[in-house]
Structure formats: structure tokens, C-alpha cells
Amino acid sequence: MHTFSAADGTRLAYRTHGDGDPVVCLPGGPADSAYLGDLGGLSAHRRLIVPDLRGTGRSAVPEDTSSYRCDRLVDDVEALRAHLGLPAMDLLAHSAGANLAAQYAARFPHRVSRLALITPGTRAVGIEITGETRRELAQLRGNEPWFPAAFAALEAITEGTGSDWDAIAPFFCGRWDDRARQHQAAGRPRNMEAVTVFAAEGAFDPETTRAALAAFAAPVLLLAGEFDLNSPPRSTAEFAGLFPDASFVVQPGAGHYPWVDDADRFAATTAAFLG
């Protein structure tokens, strides 16, 4: 575990895994980045720099908690790049972290060599995911033993009559086994204020971000899980269409955590892109 100082003086922490050329890996949540692990063995190919966003994991809680807002976290990513002494960096982001990575790439395009967005959130670019899209995707899992209860909970959430998020957890995993249960629990955010403020009013300016990404020259990978209810392949493909040089990949049999569902396939695909 290493630390660096953000522009406002908040002490932020990051982990490293492996050797070789670095790639900065932004977690979703915002949650303790430990849930990323070594991304299914990607650390055998590259040195992973994995920060804890402010107020999560081992990073300090800031004095100004409005700095949890996604657009303001861009400054922390830039402070990490400067701390590492990288003129430009390869950047990987998972889930909600993709909103942060997209805004960083929009503001600092010359600081990004390659950009990998893994089962990405899409709020920063204004891509809406409809309840019908989630229902259609969920029904692909209809033969699984947990499906009836999970689908009933999903319907209630979609209709605004329920909030049992734990019940729909199987839809986020390619296999709902003991390992998936443990990983899902470990990845839950602990700082709910950070989660709420991350997407607070003003956090996203989709029109401006989309315009900037349309001129983003670096190569981009967008990887979706076949069964991912959080970041459906359809919305991820739409996200890919915003970039001039994007590759869109669907990992078969995977959910929201493709490095857990098939580590070898995920590491091979991502390492081949990063080089």
C-alpha cells in the first residue's frame, strides 16, 4: 500500500500488483478497491496501480465531502498520474469508475495512452438503461434455480415498489456460487455518503463529455459481460460508438465482474489490448 497527496491535501492510498509497465485501475462503487484483486491475473502482464477513491478503503475522508462528486474526483486521478511521474498513462476503469475515467479522458486526453472500460457505467455520457432492457437480459437466466425470487425482486425494483438489492445479486454474476457470493459481499460500498455524492447534481455534463470523447484519439476497449444486468452489452456498445477508435467485446458467460467469471479469458483480452 502506497499513499500520495491530492491537490486539497487529502491523503489517498493505492495498491500495486505485479511488474512491468503500469496501468492505473479505477474501481467502481465508490468502494474499497480491494474487490478488484489483481484483475484475474492481469498483473502477470502489467503492473496494476489500484487507487482507493477518497473516503474509501485506506484513503482518508476529505474535509470537504462535496469533493466525492465524480467530476471533482478527476483531480485526484490527475494527482496520481503526476505522483507516478507518468507523462501519459494507460487507464482501466470498472463499473461506476468508467464515469470518472470518461471525464478524465475528456479533460486530459493527452494524458491517456489507452483506455479500457470494463462493464462500464454510462451516466457521464448520458446513456440511459431502461427497465425493459434489464428484464430482457435477466430472462436469459430463466433456467437457474435462484431466478424466480431474483426476477420478482427485479420487477419490484423496476416498478418502484421494492428495494431488495441483495435479492438481485445473482444477476450481476456469471455463476452464482460461493465464490461469487463472497466477492459480491466484499465489493459492497461502505461509505454511503461517497456513493450518494458521487452522482450528485452537477457531477455529470453528458453533452460536453460526449463532444470531448468524439475527438479522443487514443485506442479504447469497452468490455461487456454477456449477462451483466448493471452494464448491459447494448448500452456498452452504444458507449463504444462515442469514440473514434473503440473496440467492443462481449465476454461470454460473464456478468459484472468478468475477471471473476473467467479470469483467463478476461486477462488475455485486456492484456492484448493494453499491449
C-alpha atoms as a PDB file:
ATOM      1  CA  MET A   1       0.000   0.000   0.000  1.00  0.00           C
ATOM      2  CA  HIS A   2       1.325   3.438  -1.008  1.00  0.00           C
ATOM      3  CA  THR A   3      -0.007   6.966  -0.498  1.00  0.00           C
ATOM      4  CA  PHE A   4       0.056  10.334  -2.217  1.00  0.00           C
ATOM      5  CA  SER A   5      -1.440  13.748  -1.574  1.00  0.00           C
ATOM      6  CA  ALA A   6      -4.411  15.119  -3.501  1.00  0.00           C
ATOM      7  CA  ALA A   7      -4.499  18.781  -4.524  1.00  0.00           C
ATOM      8  CA  ASP A   8      -6.584  19.633  -1.431  1.00  0.00           C
ATOM      9  CA  GLY A   9      -4.200  17.792   0.879  1.00  0.00           C
ATOM     10  CA  THR A  10      -6.336  14.655   1.356  1.00  0.00           C
ATOM     11  CA  ARG A  11      -4.098  11.602   1.746  1.00  0.00           C
ATOM     12  CA  LEU A  12      -5.024   8.940  -0.798  1.00  0.00           C
ATOM     13  CA  ALA A  13      -3.886   5.323  -0.948  1.00  0.00           C
ATOM     14  CA  TYR A  14      -3.191   2.893  -3.766  1.00  0.00           C
ATOM     15  CA  ARG A  15      -2.174  -0.736  -4.137  1.00  0.00           C
ATOM     16  CA  THR A  16       0.222  -2.218  -6.659  1.00  0.00           C
ATOM     17  CA  HIS A  17       0.152  -5.699  -8.175  1.00  0.00           C
ATOM     18  CA  GLY A  18       2.731  -7.219 -10.493  1.00  0.00           C
ATOM     19  CA  ASP A  19       5.570  -5.763 -12.508  1.00  0.00           C
ATOM     20  CA  GLY A  20       6.084  -4.176 -15.901  1.00  0.00           C
ATOM     21  CA  ASP A  21       4.554  -1.114 -17.476  1.00  0.00           C
ATOM     22  CA  PRO A  22       1.918   0.482 -15.225  1.00  0.00           C
ATOM     23  CA  VAL A  23      -1.798   0.686 -15.825  1.00  0.00           C
ATOM     24  CA  VAL A  24      -3.938   2.737 -13.444  1.00  0.00           C
ATOM     25  CA  CYS A  25      -7.128   0.846 -12.490  1.00  0.00           C
ATOM     26  CA  LEU A  26     -10.104   2.809 -11.139  1.00  0.00           C
ATOM     27  CA  PRO A  27     -12.658   0.909  -9.027  1.00  0.00           C
ATOM     28  CA  GLY A  28     -16.408   1.267  -9.109  1.00  0.00           C
ATOM     29  CA  GLY A  29     -18.679   1.890  -6.176  1.00  0.00           C
ATOM     30  CA  PRO A  30     -17.184   4.088  -4.890  1.00  0.00           C
ATOM     31  CA  ALA A  31     -15.921   1.079  -2.909  1.00  0.00           C
ATOM     32  CA  ASP A  32     -12.702  -0.254  -1.436  1.00  0.00           C
ATOM     33  CA  SER A  33     -10.624  -1.164  -4.479  1.00  0.00           C
ATOM     34  CA  ALA A  34      -9.621  -4.491  -2.881  1.00  0.00           C
ATOM     35  CA  TYR A  35     -12.522  -6.167  -4.731  1.00  0.00           C
ATOM     36  CA  LEU A  36     -10.572  -5.752  -7.996  1.00  0.00           C
ATOM     37  CA  GLY A  37      -7.812  -8.020  -6.700  1.00  0.00           C
ATOM     38  CA  ASP A  38      -5.240  -8.495  -9.444  1.00  0.00           C
ATOM     39  CA  LEU A  39      -7.991  -8.490 -12.092  1.00  0.00           C
ATOM     40  CA  GLY A  40      -7.882 -12.183 -12.792  1.00  0.00           C
ATOM     41  CA  GLY A  41      -4.145 -12.329 -13.301  1.00  0.00           C
ATOM     42  CA  LEU A  42      -3.769  -9.195 -15.419  1.00  0.00           C
ATOM     43  CA  SER A  43      -0.896  -8.392 -13.062  1.00  0.00           C
ATOM     44  CA  ALA A  44       1.127 -11.108 -14.811  1.00  0.00           C
ATOM     45  CA  HIS A  45       1.175  -8.825 -17.860  1.00  0.00           C
ATOM     46  CA  ARG A  46       1.258  -5.312 -16.400  1.00  0.00           C
ATOM     47  CA  ARG A  47       1.906  -3.520 -13.103  1.00  0.00           C
ATOM     48  CA  LEU A  48      -1.519  -2.589 -11.739  1.00  0.00           C
ATOM     49  CA  ILE A  49      -1.837   0.718  -9.852  1.00  0.00           C
ATOM     50  CA  VAL A  50      -5.139   0.483  -7.985  1.00  0.00           C
ATOM     51  CA  PRO A  51      -6.224   3.579  -6.014  1.00  0.00           C
ATOM     52  CA  ASP A  52      -8.836   3.792  -3.294  1.00  0.00           C
ATOM     53  CA  LEU A  53     -11.018   6.778  -4.118  1.00  0.00           C
ATOM     54  CA  ARG A  54     -11.217   9.369  -1.344  1.00  0.00           C
ATOM     55  CA  GLY A  55     -13.206   8.192   1.652  1.00  0.00           C
ATOM     56  CA  THR A  56     -12.960   4.519   0.663  1.00  0.00           C
ATOM     57  CA  GLY A  57     -10.580   1.711   1.573  1.00  0.00           C
ATOM     58  CA  ARG A  58      -7.444   3.177   3.128  1.00  0.00           C
ATOM     59  CA  SER A  59      -7.821   6.646   1.646  1.00  0.00           C
ATOM     60  CA  ALA A  60      -8.686   9.470   4.034  1.00  0.00           C
ATOM     61  CA  VAL A  61     -12.094  11.069   4.385  1.00  0.00           C
ATOM     62  CA  PRO A  62     -11.799  14.624   3.000  1.00  0.00           C
ATOM     63  CA  GLU A  63     -12.677  17.699   4.998  1.00  0.00           C
ATOM     64  CA  ASP A  64     -14.971  18.789   2.165  1.00  0.00           C
ATOM     65  CA  THR A  65     -17.198  15.798   1.448  1.00  0.00           C
ATOM     66  CA  SER A  66     -18.670  17.520  -1.622  1.00  0.00           C
ATOM     67  CA  SER A  67     -15.343  16.514  -3.209  1.00  0.00           C
ATOM     68  CA  TYR A  68     -16.765  12.973  -3.509  1.00  0.00           C
ATOM     69  CA  ARG A  69     -18.552  14.222  -6.639  1.00  0.00           C
ATOM     70  CA  CYS A  70     -17.427  12.364  -9.751  1.00  0.00           C
ATOM     71  CA  ASP A  71     -16.276  15.407 -11.726  1.00  0.00           C
ATOM     72  CA  ARG A  72     -14.186  16.590  -8.767  1.00  0.00           C
ATOM     73  CA  LEU A  73     -12.505  13.189  -8.437  1.00  0.00           C
ATOM     74  CA  VAL A  74     -10.891  13.840 -11.825  1.00  0.00           C
ATOM     75  CA  ASP A  75      -8.347  16.000  -9.993  1.00  0.00           C
ATOM     76  CA  ASP A  76      -7.385  13.020  -7.812  1.00  0.00           C
ATOM     77  CA  VAL A  77      -6.676  10.880 -10.873  1.00  0.00           C
ATOM     78  CA  GLU A  78      -4.502  13.652 -12.284  1.00  0.00           C
ATOM     79  CA  ALA A  79      -2.675  13.962  -8.943  1.00  0.00           C
ATOM     80  CA  LEU A  80      -1.972  10.213  -9.023  1.00  0.00           C
ATOM     81  CA  ARG A  81      -0.576  10.433 -12.560  1.00  0.00           C
ATOM     82  CA  ALA A  82       1.714  13.274 -11.512  1.00  0.00           C
ATOM     83  CA  HIS A  83       2.773  11.362  -8.383  1.00  0.00           C
ATOM     84  CA  LEU A  84       3.699   8.357 -10.530  1.00  0.00           C
ATOM     85  CA  GLY A  85       5.703  10.582 -12.877  1.00  0.00           C
ATOM     86  CA  LEU A  86       3.892   9.356 -15.989  1.00  0.00           C
ATOM     87  CA  PRO A  87       3.695  11.762 -18.962  1.00  0.00           C
ATOM     88  CA  ALA A  88       0.685   9.700 -20.077  1.00  0.00           C
ATOM     89  CA  MET A  89      -0.869   6.549 -18.673  1.00  0.00           C
ATOM     90  CA  ASP A  90      -2.882   3.530 -19.660  1.00  0.00           C
ATOM     91  CA  LEU A  91      -6.163   3.805 -17.756  1.00  0.00           C
ATOM     92  CA  LEU A  92      -8.586   0.997 -16.872  1.00  0.00           C
ATOM     93  CA  ALA A  93     -11.883   1.531 -15.062  1.00  0.00           C
ATOM     94  CA  HIS A  94     -14.641  -0.737 -13.820  1.00  0.00           C
ATOM     95  CA  SER A  95     -18.349  -0.021 -13.420  1.00  0.00           C
ATOM     96  CA  ALA A  96     -19.008   3.445 -11.934  1.00  0.00           C
ATOM     97  CA  GLY A  97     -15.300   4.127 -12.261  1.00  0.00           C
ATOM     98  CA  ALA A  98     -15.842   4.382 -16.013  1.00  0.00           C
ATOM     99  CA  ASN A  99     -17.774   7.608 -15.401  1.00  0.00           C
ATOM    100  CA  LEU A 100     -14.675   9.010 -13.732  1.00  0.00           C
ATOM    101  CA  ALA A 101     -12.357   7.675 -16.451  1.00  0.00           C
ATOM    102  CA  ALA A 102     -14.536   9.151 -19.196  1.00  0.00           C
ATOM    103  CA  GLN A 103     -14.469  12.578 -17.562  1.00  0.00           C
ATOM    104  CA  TYR A 104     -10.706  12.315 -17.043  1.00  0.00           C
ATOM    105  CA  ALA A 105     -10.174  11.384 -20.701  1.00  0.00           C
ATOM    106  CA  ALA A 106     -12.422  14.269 -21.754  1.00  0.00           C
ATOM    107  CA  ARG A 107     -10.481  16.785 -19.666  1.00  0.00           C
ATOM    108  CA  PHE A 108      -6.955  15.370 -20.065  1.00  0.00           C
ATOM    109  CA  PRO A 109      -6.956  13.475 -23.390  1.00  0.00           C
ATOM    110  CA  HIS A 110      -3.203  13.936 -23.850  1.00  0.00           C
ATOM    111  CA  ARG A 111      -2.597  12.136 -20.531  1.00  0.00           C
ATOM    112  CA  VAL A 112      -4.252   8.854 -21.637  1.00  0.00           C
ATOM    113  CA  SER A 113      -2.382   6.380 -23.860  1.00  0.00           C
ATOM    114  CA  ARG A 114      -5.037   3.663 -23.848  1.00  0.00           C
ATOM    115  CA  LEU A 115      -8.409   3.461 -22.144  1.00  0.00           C
ATOM    116  CA  ALA A 116     -10.105   0.213 -21.062  1.00  0.00           C
ATOM    117  CA  LEU A 117     -13.666   0.462 -19.720  1.00  0.00           C
ATOM    118  CA  ILE A 118     -14.807  -2.773 -18.094  1.00  0.00           C
ATOM    119  CA  THR A 119     -18.579  -3.323 -17.708  1.00  0.00           C
ATOM    120  CA  PRO A 120     -18.846   0.465 -17.609  1.00  0.00           C
ATOM    121  CA  GLY A 121     -21.324   2.798 -16.015  1.00  0.00           C
ATOM    122  CA  THR A 122     -22.733   5.255 -18.547  1.00  0.00           C
ATOM    123  CA  ARG A 123     -24.148   8.215 -16.583  1.00  0.00           C
ATOM    124  CA  ALA A 124     -21.252  10.504 -17.545  1.00  0.00           C
ATOM    125  CA  VAL A 125     -22.240  10.186 -21.207  1.00  0.00           C
ATOM    126  CA  GLY A 126     -25.998  10.217 -20.693  1.00  0.00           C
ATOM    127  CA  ILE A 127     -26.798   6.692 -21.874  1.00  0.00           C
ATOM    128  CA  GLU A 128     -29.988   5.529 -20.199  1.00  0.00           C
ATOM    129  CA  ILE A 129     -30.610   1.849 -19.399  1.00  0.00           C
ATOM    130  CA  THR A 130     -34.299   1.018 -19.481  1.00  0.00           C
ATOM    131  CA  GLY A 131     -36.134  -1.378 -17.231  1.00  0.00           C
ATOM    132  CA  GLU A 132     -37.167  -3.338 -20.305  1.00  0.00           C
ATOM    133  CA  THR A 133     -33.535  -3.836 -21.326  1.00  0.00           C
ATOM    134  CA  ARG A 134     -32.753  -5.204 -17.880  1.00  0.00           C
ATOM    135  CA  ARG A 135     -35.807  -7.505 -17.926  1.00  0.00           C
ATOM    136  CA  GLU A 136     -34.864  -8.945 -21.320  1.00  0.00           C
ATOM    137  CA  LEU A 137     -31.328  -9.614 -20.155  1.00  0.00           C
ATOM    138  CA  ALA A 138     -32.495 -11.110 -16.862  1.00  0.00           C
ATOM    139  CA  GLN A 139     -34.720 -13.592 -18.668  1.00  0.00           C
ATOM    140  CA  LEU A 140     -31.654 -15.216 -20.217  1.00  0.00           C
ATOM    141  CA  ARG A 141     -31.059 -16.703 -16.750  1.00  0.00           C
ATOM    142  CA  GLY A 142     -34.536 -18.222 -16.501  1.00  0.00           C
ATOM    143  CA  ASN A 143     -33.321 -21.803 -16.048  1.00  0.00           C
ATOM    144  CA  GLU A 144     -31.236 -21.035 -12.960  1.00  0.00           C
ATOM    145  CA  PRO A 145     -32.625 -22.144  -9.564  1.00  0.00           C
ATOM    146  CA  TRP A 146     -32.413 -18.696  -7.996  1.00  0.00           C
ATOM    147  CA  PHE A 147     -34.221 -16.994 -10.900  1.00  0.00           C
ATOM    148  CA  PRO A 148     -37.862 -16.791  -9.659  1.00  0.00           C
ATOM    149  CA  ALA A 149     -37.082 -14.912  -6.451  1.00  0.00           C
ATOM    150  CA  ALA A 150     -34.449 -12.710  -8.077  1.00  0.00           C
ATOM    151  CA  PHE A 151     -36.673 -11.804 -11.014  1.00  0.00           C
ATOM    152  CA  ALA A 152     -39.587 -10.946  -8.698  1.00  0.00           C
ATOM    153  CA  ALA A 153     -37.277  -8.611  -6.774  1.00  0.00           C
ATOM    154  CA  LEU A 154     -36.056  -7.065 -10.039  1.00  0.00           C
ATOM    155  CA  GLU A 155     -39.635  -6.417 -11.177  1.00  0.00           C
ATOM    156  CA  ALA A 156     -40.427  -4.718  -7.873  1.00  0.00           C
ATOM    157  CA  ILE A 157     -37.322  -2.508  -8.096  1.00  0.00           C
ATOM    158  CA  THR A 158     -38.082  -1.632 -11.719  1.00  0.00           C
ATOM    159  CA  GLU A 159     -41.675  -0.710 -10.851  1.00  0.00           C
ATOM    160  CA  GLY A 160     -40.611   1.321  -7.816  1.00  0.00           C
ATOM    161  CA  THR A 161     -42.364  -0.943  -5.319  1.00  0.00           C
ATOM    162  CA  GLY A 162     -39.314  -2.741  -3.909  1.00  0.00           C
ATOM    163  CA  SER A 163     -35.693  -2.202  -2.914  1.00  0.00           C
ATOM    164  CA  ASP A 164     -34.269  -5.659  -2.190  1.00  0.00           C
ATOM    165  CA  TRP A 165     -30.959  -5.191  -3.985  1.00  0.00           C
ATOM    166  CA  ASP A 166     -29.403  -8.228  -2.300  1.00  0.00           C
ATOM    167  CA  ALA A 167     -32.049 -10.457  -3.907  1.00  0.00           C
ATOM    168  CA  ILE A 168     -30.984  -9.474  -7.435  1.00  0.00           C
ATOM    169  CA  ALA A 169     -27.259 -10.002  -6.787  1.00  0.00           C
ATOM    170  CA  PRO A 170     -27.165 -13.255  -8.842  1.00  0.00           C
ATOM    171  CA  PHE A 171     -27.924 -11.240 -11.980  1.00  0.00           C
ATOM    172  CA  PHE A 172     -24.544  -9.499 -11.616  1.00  0.00           C
ATOM    173  CA  CYS A 173     -22.535 -12.729 -11.733  1.00  0.00           C
ATOM    174  CA  GLY A 174     -21.939 -15.243 -14.485  1.00  0.00           C
ATOM    175  CA  ARG A 175     -22.143 -18.032 -11.902  1.00  0.00           C
ATOM    176  CA  TRP A 176     -23.922 -17.651  -8.580  1.00  0.00           C
ATOM    177  CA  ASP A 177     -21.687 -19.851  -6.422  1.00  0.00           C
ATOM    178  CA  ASP A 178     -19.900 -19.424  -3.105  1.00  0.00           C
ATOM    179  CA  ARG A 179     -17.023 -17.514  -4.689  1.00  0.00           C
ATOM    180  CA  ALA A 180     -19.433 -15.108  -6.367  1.00  0.00           C
ATOM    181  CA  ARG A 181     -21.325 -14.574  -3.108  1.00  0.00           C
ATOM    182  CA  GLN A 182     -18.118 -13.758  -1.252  1.00  0.00           C
ATOM    183  CA  HIS A 183     -16.898 -11.417  -3.981  1.00  0.00           C
ATOM    184  CA  GLN A 184     -20.239  -9.625  -4.185  1.00  0.00           C
ATOM    185  CA  ALA A 185     -20.219  -9.043  -0.423  1.00  0.00           C
ATOM    186  CA  ALA A 186     -16.614  -7.818  -0.423  1.00  0.00           C
ATOM    187  CA  GLY A 187     -17.343  -5.276  -3.151  1.00  0.00           C
ATOM    188  CA  ARG A 188     -20.220  -3.528  -1.390  1.00  0.00           C
ATOM    189  CA  PRO A 189     -19.583   0.180  -0.749  1.00  0.00           C
ATOM    190  CA  ARG A 190     -19.159   1.094   2.929  1.00  0.00           C
ATOM    191  CA  ASN A 191     -19.175   4.883   2.688  1.00  0.00           C
ATOM    192  CA  MET A 192     -22.712   5.624   1.545  1.00  0.00           C
ATOM    193  CA  GLU A 193     -22.161   9.378   1.607  1.00  0.00           C
ATOM    194  CA  ALA A 194     -19.421   8.914  -1.009  1.00  0.00           C
ATOM    195  CA  VAL A 195     -21.825   6.850  -3.124  1.00  0.00           C
ATOM    196  CA  THR A 196     -24.580   9.451  -2.900  1.00  0.00           C
ATOM    197  CA  VAL A 197     -22.383  12.493  -3.570  1.00  0.00           C
ATOM    198  CA  PHE A 198     -20.532  10.732  -6.436  1.00  0.00           C
ATOM    199  CA  ALA A 199     -23.603  11.230  -8.641  1.00  0.00           C
ATOM    200  CA  ALA A 200     -24.929  14.439  -7.046  1.00  0.00           C
ATOM    201  CA  GLU A 201     -26.298  17.298  -9.115  1.00  0.00           C
ATOM    202  CA  GLY A 202     -23.577  18.738 -11.323  1.00  0.00           C
ATOM    203  CA  ALA A 203     -21.451  15.577 -11.303  1.00  0.00           C
ATOM    204  CA  PHE A 204     -22.080  14.868 -14.974  1.00  0.00           C
ATOM    205  CA  ASP A 205     -22.262  17.005 -18.108  1.00  0.00           C
ATOM    206  CA  PRO A 206     -23.025  14.402 -20.771  1.00  0.00           C
ATOM    207  CA  GLU A 207     -23.174  16.781 -23.728  1.00  0.00           C
ATOM    208  CA  THR A 208     -19.735  18.244 -23.001  1.00  0.00           C
ATOM    209  CA  THR A 209     -18.207  14.842 -22.224  1.00  0.00           C
ATOM    210  CA  ARG A 210     -19.584  13.236 -25.387  1.00  0.00           C
ATOM    211  CA  ALA A 211     -18.237  16.085 -27.518  1.00  0.00           C
ATOM    212  CA  ALA A 212     -14.775  15.687 -25.991  1.00  0.00           C
ATOM    213  CA  LEU A 213     -14.766  11.909 -26.413  1.00  0.00           C
ATOM    214  CA  ALA A 214     -15.696  12.288 -30.075  1.00  0.00           C
ATOM    215  CA  ALA A 215     -12.249  13.838 -30.529  1.00  0.00           C
ATOM    216  CA  PHE A 216     -10.415  11.381 -28.243  1.00  0.00           C
ATOM    217  CA  ALA A 217      -7.647   9.878 -30.367  1.00  0.00           C
ATOM    218  CA  ALA A 218      -6.313   7.057 -28.159  1.00  0.00           C
ATOM    219  CA  PRO A 219      -7.466   3.435 -28.569  1.00  0.00           C
ATOM    220  CA  VAL A 220     -10.357   2.368 -26.325  1.00  0.00           C
ATOM    221  CA  LEU A 221     -11.619  -1.050 -25.223  1.00  0.00           C
ATOM    222  CA  LEU A 222     -15.156  -1.465 -23.933  1.00  0.00           C
ATOM    223  CA  LEU A 223     -15.751  -4.909 -22.457  1.00  0.00           C
ATOM    224  CA  ALA A 224     -19.232  -6.111 -21.503  1.00  0.00           C
ATOM    225  CA  GLY A 225     -20.369  -9.269 -19.741  1.00  0.00           C
ATOM    226  CA  GLU A 226     -22.951 -11.288 -21.657  1.00  0.00           C
ATOM    227  CA  PHE A 227     -25.316 -11.441 -18.665  1.00  0.00           C
ATOM    228  CA  ASP A 228     -24.451  -8.160 -16.926  1.00  0.00           C
ATOM    229  CA  LEU A 229     -27.624  -6.531 -15.692  1.00  0.00           C
ATOM    230  CA  ASN A 230     -25.784  -3.456 -14.432  1.00  0.00           C
ATOM    231  CA  SER A 231     -23.983  -2.608 -17.690  1.00  0.00           C
ATOM    232  CA  PRO A 232     -25.843  -4.442 -20.469  1.00  0.00           C
ATOM    233  CA  PRO A 233     -23.983  -5.184 -23.701  1.00  0.00           C
ATOM    234  CA  ARG A 234     -26.442  -2.971 -25.573  1.00  0.00           C
ATOM    235  CA  SER A 235     -25.574   0.148 -23.547  1.00  0.00           C
ATOM    236  CA  THR A 236     -21.853  -0.683 -23.616  1.00  0.00           C
ATOM    237  CA  ALA A 237     -21.973  -0.941 -27.412  1.00  0.00           C
ATOM    238  CA  GLU A 238     -23.656   2.466 -27.539  1.00  0.00           C
ATOM    239  CA  PHE A 239     -20.873   3.842 -25.317  1.00  0.00           C
ATOM    240  CA  ALA A 240     -18.267   2.405 -27.687  1.00  0.00           C
ATOM    241  CA  GLY A 241     -19.882   4.300 -30.544  1.00  0.00           C
ATOM    242  CA  LEU A 242     -18.926   7.613 -28.942  1.00  0.00           C
ATOM    243  CA  PHE A 243     -15.192   7.078 -29.582  1.00  0.00           C
ATOM    244  CA  PRO A 244     -13.327   7.337 -32.912  1.00  0.00           C
ATOM    245  CA  ASP A 245     -11.146   4.279 -32.180  1.00  0.00           C
ATOM    246  CA  ALA A 246     -13.019   1.807 -29.969  1.00  0.00           C
ATOM    247  CA  SER A 247     -13.125  -1.983 -29.753  1.00  0.00           C
ATOM    248  CA  PHE A 248     -16.277  -3.536 -28.264  1.00  0.00           C
ATOM    249  CA  VAL A 249     -16.029  -7.034 -26.765  1.00  0.00           C
ATOM    250  CA  VAL A 250     -18.688  -9.172 -25.066  1.00  0.00           C
ATOM    251  CA  GLN A 251     -17.230 -11.814 -22.745  1.00  0.00           C
ATOM    252  CA  PRO A 252     -19.416 -14.948 -22.979  1.00  0.00           C
ATOM    253  CA  GLY A 253     -20.944 -16.224 -19.757  1.00  0.00           C
ATOM    254  CA  ALA A 254     -19.782 -13.227 -17.758  1.00  0.00           C
ATOM    255  CA  GLY A 255     -21.617 -10.810 -15.513  1.00  0.00           C
ATOM    256  CA  HIS A 256     -20.486  -7.538 -13.984  1.00  0.00           C
ATOM    257  CA  TYR A 257     -17.147  -8.966 -12.793  1.00  0.00           C
ATOM    258  CA  PRO A 258     -15.714 -10.746 -15.849  1.00  0.00           C
ATOM    259  CA  TRP A 259     -12.324 -11.365 -14.216  1.00  0.00           C
ATOM    260  CA  VAL A 260     -14.145 -13.482 -11.596  1.00  0.00           C
ATOM    261  CA  ASP A 261     -16.275 -15.420 -14.085  1.00  0.00           C
ATOM    262  CA  ASP A 262     -13.432 -16.342 -16.458  1.00  0.00           C
ATOM    263  CA  ALA A 263     -10.098 -14.942 -15.311  1.00  0.00           C
ATOM    264  CA  ASP A 264      -8.019 -16.356 -18.160  1.00  0.00           C
ATOM    265  CA  ARG A 265     -10.276 -15.006 -20.894  1.00  0.00           C
ATOM    266  CA  PHE A 266     -10.538 -11.614 -19.247  1.00  0.00           C
ATOM    267  CA  ALA A 267      -6.789 -11.261 -18.665  1.00  0.00           C
ATOM    268  CA  ALA A 268      -5.966 -12.390 -22.208  1.00  0.00           C
ATOM    269  CA  THR A 269      -8.435  -9.967 -23.815  1.00  0.00           C
ATOM    270  CA  THR A 270      -7.415  -6.991 -21.697  1.00  0.00           C
ATOM    271  CA  ALA A 271      -3.673  -7.667 -21.885  1.00  0.00           C
ATOM    272  CA  ALA A 272      -3.847  -7.994 -25.672  1.00  0.00           C
ATOM    273  CA  PHE A 273      -5.494  -4.577 -25.854  1.00  0.00           C
ATOM    274  CA  LEU A 274      -3.105  -2.896 -23.436  1.00  0.00           C
ATOM    275  CA  GLY A 275      -0.071  -4.428 -25.143  1.00  0.00           C
END
